[in-house]
Amino acid sequence: MSTMMIPSGVPGAESIRVPLERLSKAEARITEITGVTPAKAPELLTCFNKAYLDASQWIALLTKELASAETYIKRTHSMITLDRAPQILLDKGLTTARNPAGNADLRDAVIYSDPEYLDAVDRRDHIKAALTLLKDKRTAYEMAFSAIKKILGETEF
């Protein structure tokens, strides 16, 4: 896997391509910690540090994209509640003259079955999953960096 494709938080925007080459290479090198030497440590530390910085950059971008996705979900929810749900409920005979908008459970049923809403939630969930993956990878690089320093001591290099 050299690139992770993540849908944009808003339909119509371009998908986000996260290059994973440097992250994957750093992850593969974690096993080298067991035989780290003072001569090899600086290069290995640099590898983990660069991977940590790359992951952090993508985490920041995806955090912003997650906020956009959440806003889009709320906007979609509102449009369905105000514009679509009343007519759908009326067409199905589920509203009364006393309560033309229907009750909350009925409105929710309309919202949770709307394809646009489901797509928005799916986009958000993809972004959340990618964020979790990148945060876990970043933690692994941080732990690898710290392990080298602990094995060799702060003054070895």
C-alpha atoms as a PDB file:
ATOM      1  CA  MET A   1       0.000   0.000   0.000  1.00  0.00           C
ATOM      2  CA  SER A   2       1.820   3.087  -1.174  1.00  0.00           C
ATOM      3  CA  THR A   3      -1.096   5.551  -1.123  1.00  0.00           C
ATOM      4  CA  MET A   4      -4.164   5.700   1.072  1.00  0.00           C
ATOM      5  CA  MET A   5      -7.202   7.249  -0.620  1.00  0.00           C
ATOM      6  CA  ILE A   6      -9.602   9.038   1.717  1.00  0.00           C
ATOM      7  CA  PRO A   7     -12.830  10.623   0.517  1.00  0.00           C
ATOM      8  CA  SER A   8     -13.218  14.328   1.055  1.00  0.00           C
ATOM      9  CA  GLY A   9     -15.542  15.371   3.840  1.00  0.00           C
ATOM     10  CA  VAL A  10     -17.717  17.160   1.286  1.00  0.00           C
ATOM     11  CA  PRO A  11     -19.086  15.557  -1.904  1.00  0.00           C
ATOM     12  CA  GLY A  12     -17.637  16.930  -5.115  1.00  0.00           C
ATOM     13  CA  ALA A  13     -14.250  17.727  -3.595  1.00  0.00           C
ATOM     14  CA  GLU A  14     -11.222  15.703  -4.572  1.00  0.00           C
ATOM     15  CA  SER A  15     -10.275  12.652  -2.528  1.00  0.00           C
ATOM     16  CA  ILE A  16      -7.251  12.989  -0.289  1.00  0.00           C
ATOM     17  CA  ARG A  17      -4.184  10.958  -1.264  1.00  0.00           C
ATOM     18  CA  VAL A  18      -1.939  10.142   1.672  1.00  0.00           C
ATOM     19  CA  PRO A  19       1.434   8.787   0.521  1.00  0.00           C
ATOM     20  CA  LEU A  20       2.500   5.960   2.808  1.00  0.00           C
ATOM     21  CA  GLU A  21       5.913   5.092   1.400  1.00  0.00           C
ATOM     22  CA  ARG A  22       8.017   6.824   4.072  1.00  0.00           C
ATOM     23  CA  LEU A  23       5.635   5.704   6.820  1.00  0.00           C
ATOM     24  CA  SER A  24       5.788   2.091   5.658  1.00  0.00           C
ATOM     25  CA  LYS A  25       9.585   2.162   5.410  1.00  0.00           C
ATOM     26  CA  ALA A  26       9.871   3.529   8.951  1.00  0.00           C
ATOM     27  CA  GLU A  27       7.429   0.941  10.234  1.00  0.00           C
ATOM     28  CA  ALA A  28       9.448  -1.855   8.625  1.00  0.00           C
ATOM     29  CA  ARG A  29      12.597  -0.560  10.325  1.00  0.00           C
ATOM     30  CA  ILE A  30      11.189  -0.785  13.843  1.00  0.00           C
ATOM     31  CA  THR A  31      12.636  -4.298  14.131  1.00  0.00           C
ATOM     32  CA  GLU A  32      16.131  -2.814  13.658  1.00  0.00           C
ATOM     33  CA  ILE A  33      15.907  -1.386  17.165  1.00  0.00           C
ATOM     34  CA  THR A  34      16.907  -4.763  18.599  1.00  0.00           C
ATOM     35  CA  GLY A  35      20.366  -4.478  17.075  1.00  0.00           C
ATOM     36  CA  VAL A  36      20.858  -0.719  17.158  1.00  0.00           C
ATOM     37  CA  THR A  37      24.400   0.563  17.552  1.00  0.00           C
ATOM     38  CA  PRO A  38      25.666   4.056  18.343  1.00  0.00           C
ATOM     39  CA  ALA A  39      26.770   4.381  14.709  1.00  0.00           C
ATOM     40  CA  LYS A  40      23.396   3.335  13.299  1.00  0.00           C
ATOM     41  CA  ALA A  41      21.223   5.202  15.827  1.00  0.00           C
ATOM     42  CA  PRO A  42      21.312   8.721  14.313  1.00  0.00           C
ATOM     43  CA  GLU A  43      20.126   7.501  10.919  1.00  0.00           C
ATOM     44  CA  LEU A  44      17.401   5.352  12.479  1.00  0.00           C
ATOM     45  CA  LEU A  45      16.272   8.199  14.743  1.00  0.00           C
ATOM     46  CA  THR A  46      16.056  10.482  11.702  1.00  0.00           C
ATOM     47  CA  CYS A  47      13.938   7.915   9.875  1.00  0.00           C
ATOM     48  CA  PHE A  48      11.454   7.692  12.760  1.00  0.00           C
ATOM     49  CA  ASN A  49      11.428  11.448  13.249  1.00  0.00           C
ATOM     50  CA  LYS A  50      10.628  12.091   9.568  1.00  0.00           C
ATOM     51  CA  ALA A  51       7.846   9.500   9.645  1.00  0.00           C
ATOM     52  CA  TYR A  52       6.457  11.097  12.815  1.00  0.00           C
ATOM     53  CA  LEU A  53       6.441  14.510  11.133  1.00  0.00           C
ATOM     54  CA  ASP A  54       4.778  13.124   7.981  1.00  0.00           C
ATOM     55  CA  ALA A  55       2.072  11.437  10.046  1.00  0.00           C
ATOM     56  CA  SER A  56       1.532  14.635  12.032  1.00  0.00           C
ATOM     57  CA  GLN A  57       1.114  16.662   8.835  1.00  0.00           C
ATOM     58  CA  TRP A  58      -1.553  14.278   7.528  1.00  0.00           C
ATOM     59  CA  ILE A  59      -3.267  14.109  10.914  1.00  0.00           C
ATOM     60  CA  ALA A  60      -3.593  17.895  10.913  1.00  0.00           C
ATOM     61  CA  LEU A  61      -5.031  17.927   7.396  1.00  0.00           C
ATOM     62  CA  LEU A  62      -7.466  15.095   8.122  1.00  0.00           C
ATOM     63  CA  THR A  63      -8.561  16.732  11.379  1.00  0.00           C
ATOM     64  CA  LYS A  64      -9.594  19.769   9.349  1.00  0.00           C
ATOM     65  CA  GLU A  65     -11.310  17.501   6.811  1.00  0.00           C
ATOM     66  CA  LEU A  66     -13.152  15.754   9.644  1.00  0.00           C
ATOM     67  CA  ALA A  67     -14.494  19.122  10.818  1.00  0.00           C
ATOM     68  CA  SER A  68     -15.730  19.811   7.280  1.00  0.00           C
ATOM     69  CA  ALA A  69     -17.394  16.398   7.170  1.00  0.00           C
ATOM     70  CA  GLU A  70     -19.136  17.002  10.506  1.00  0.00           C
ATOM     71  CA  THR A  71     -20.407  20.373   9.269  1.00  0.00           C
ATOM     72  CA  TYR A  72     -21.670  18.784   6.066  1.00  0.00           C
ATOM     73  CA  ILE A  73     -23.503  16.093   8.062  1.00  0.00           C
ATOM     74  CA  LYS A  74     -25.218  18.744  10.175  1.00  0.00           C
ATOM     75  CA  ARG A  75     -26.175  20.750   7.096  1.00  0.00           C
ATOM     76  CA  THR A  76     -27.540  17.640   5.369  1.00  0.00           C
ATOM     77  CA  HIS A  77     -29.442  16.665   8.514  1.00  0.00           C
ATOM     78  CA  SER A  78     -31.018  20.124   8.649  1.00  0.00           C
ATOM     79  CA  MET A  79     -31.993  20.139   4.969  1.00  0.00           C
ATOM     80  CA  ILE A  80     -33.647  16.742   5.257  1.00  0.00           C
ATOM     81  CA  THR A  81     -35.465  17.702   8.466  1.00  0.00           C
ATOM     82  CA  LEU A  82     -36.770  20.987   7.073  1.00  0.00           C
ATOM     83  CA  ASP A  83     -37.210  20.284   3.366  1.00  0.00           C
ATOM     84  CA  ARG A  84     -37.648  16.584   2.678  1.00  0.00           C
ATOM     85  CA  ALA A  85     -38.974  14.862   5.792  1.00  0.00           C
ATOM     86  CA  PRO A  86     -42.316  16.705   6.031  1.00  0.00           C
ATOM     87  CA  GLN A  87     -43.314  15.747   2.482  1.00  0.00           C
ATOM     88  CA  ILE A  88     -42.094  12.159   2.809  1.00  0.00           C
ATOM     89  CA  LEU A  89     -44.015  11.723   6.056  1.00  0.00           C
ATOM     90  CA  LEU A  90     -47.115  13.318   4.522  1.00  0.00           C
ATOM     91  CA  ASP A  91     -46.882  11.044   1.466  1.00  0.00           C
ATOM     92  CA  LYS A  92     -46.702   8.004   3.762  1.00  0.00           C
ATOM     93  CA  GLY A  93     -49.648   9.218   5.844  1.00  0.00           C
ATOM     94  CA  LEU A  94     -47.527   9.466   8.977  1.00  0.00           C
ATOM     95  CA  THR A  95     -48.373  13.045   9.963  1.00  0.00           C
ATOM     96  CA  THR A  96     -51.460  14.659  11.380  1.00  0.00           C
ATOM     97  CA  ALA A  97     -52.960  18.139  11.132  1.00  0.00           C
ATOM     98  CA  ARG A  98     -51.897  18.682  14.751  1.00  0.00           C
ATOM     99  CA  ASN A  99     -48.339  17.608  14.029  1.00  0.00           C
ATOM    100  CA  PRO A 100     -47.549  18.165  10.316  1.00  0.00           C
ATOM    101  CA  ALA A 101     -43.805  17.636  10.844  1.00  0.00           C
ATOM    102  CA  GLY A 102     -44.267  14.252  12.526  1.00  0.00           C
ATOM    103  CA  ASN A 103     -42.477  13.189  15.679  1.00  0.00           C
ATOM    104  CA  ALA A 104     -38.739  13.040  16.205  1.00  0.00           C
ATOM    105  CA  ASP A 105     -38.543   9.270  15.656  1.00  0.00           C
ATOM    106  CA  LEU A 106     -40.256   9.545  12.276  1.00  0.00           C
ATOM    107  CA  ARG A 107     -38.062  12.444  11.185  1.00  0.00           C
ATOM    108  CA  ASP A 108     -34.994  10.469  12.262  1.00  0.00           C
ATOM    109  CA  ALA A 109     -36.200   7.480  10.253  1.00  0.00           C
ATOM    110  CA  VAL A 110     -36.354   9.687   7.163  1.00  0.00           C
ATOM    111  CA  ILE A 111     -32.919  11.169   7.876  1.00  0.00           C
ATOM    112  CA  TYR A 112     -31.210   7.825   8.565  1.00  0.00           C
ATOM    113  CA  SER A 113     -32.523   6.345   5.343  1.00  0.00           C
ATOM    114  CA  ASP A 114     -31.586   9.301   3.129  1.00  0.00           C
ATOM    115  CA  PRO A 115     -28.778   8.385   0.672  1.00  0.00           C
ATOM    116  CA  GLU A 116     -27.134  11.821   0.906  1.00  0.00           C
ATOM    117  CA  TYR A 117     -27.022  11.637   4.689  1.00  0.00           C
ATOM    118  CA  LEU A 118     -25.682   8.065   4.631  1.00  0.00           C
ATOM    119  CA  ASP A 119     -22.971   9.107   2.169  1.00  0.00           C
ATOM    120  CA  ALA A 120     -21.975  12.023   4.404  1.00  0.00           C
ATOM    121  CA  VAL A 121     -21.717   9.735   7.430  1.00  0.00           C
ATOM    122  CA  ASP A 122     -19.698   7.201   5.421  1.00  0.00           C
ATOM    123  CA  ARG A 123     -17.260   9.934   4.356  1.00  0.00           C
ATOM    124  CA  ARG A 124     -16.845  11.053   7.964  1.00  0.00           C
ATOM    125  CA  ASP A 125     -16.271   7.475   9.122  1.00  0.00           C
ATOM    126  CA  HIS A 126     -13.564   6.926   6.480  1.00  0.00           C
ATOM    127  CA  ILE A 127     -11.785  10.066   7.679  1.00  0.00           C
ATOM    128  CA  LYS A 128     -12.053   8.951  11.320  1.00  0.00           C
ATOM    129  CA  ALA A 129     -10.612   5.528  10.453  1.00  0.00           C
ATOM    130  CA  ALA A 130      -7.696   7.094   8.566  1.00  0.00           C
ATOM    131  CA  LEU A 131      -7.030   9.441  11.493  1.00  0.00           C
ATOM    132  CA  THR A 132      -6.973   6.529  13.916  1.00  0.00           C
ATOM    133  CA  LEU A 133      -4.541   4.627  11.705  1.00  0.00           C
ATOM    134  CA  LEU A 134      -2.200   7.603  11.302  1.00  0.00           C
ATOM    135  CA  LYS A 135      -2.293   8.441  15.012  1.00  0.00           C
ATOM    136  CA  ASP A 136      -1.414   4.841  15.865  1.00  0.00           C
ATOM    137  CA  LYS A 137       1.452   4.870  13.363  1.00  0.00           C
ATOM    138  CA  ARG A 138       2.717   8.162  14.778  1.00  0.00           C
ATOM    139  CA  THR A 139       2.660   6.676  18.277  1.00  0.00           C
ATOM    140  CA  ALA A 140       4.686   3.694  17.034  1.00  0.00           C
ATOM    141  CA  TYR A 141       7.346   6.020  15.578  1.00  0.00           C
ATOM    142  CA  GLU A 142       7.495   7.977  18.811  1.00  0.00           C
ATOM    143  CA  MET A 143       7.878   4.783  20.813  1.00  0.00           C
ATOM    144  CA  ALA A 144      10.593   3.532  18.440  1.00  0.00           C
ATOM    145  CA  PHE A 145      12.461   6.838  18.745  1.00  0.00           C
ATOM    146  CA  SER A 146      12.239   6.698  22.550  1.00  0.00           C
ATOM    147  CA  ALA A 147      13.296   3.040  22.656  1.00  0.00           C
ATOM    148  CA  ILE A 148      16.543   3.785  20.821  1.00  0.00           C
ATOM    149  CA  LYS A 149      17.337   6.610  23.195  1.00  0.00           C
ATOM    150  CA  LYS A 150      16.633   4.379  26.203  1.00  0.00           C
ATOM    151  CA  ILE A 151      18.684   1.477  24.852  1.00  0.00           C
ATOM    152  CA  LEU A 152      21.738   3.592  24.078  1.00  0.00           C
ATOM    153  CA  GLY A 153      21.304   6.308  26.658  1.00  0.00           C
ATOM    154  CA  GLU A 154      21.028  10.026  25.952  1.00  0.00           C
ATOM    155  CA  THR A 155      24.785  10.580  25.713  1.00  0.00           C
ATOM    156  CA  GLU A 156      25.753   7.746  23.331  1.00  0.00           C
ATOM    157  CA  PHE A 157      25.350   9.750  20.142  1.00  0.00           C
END
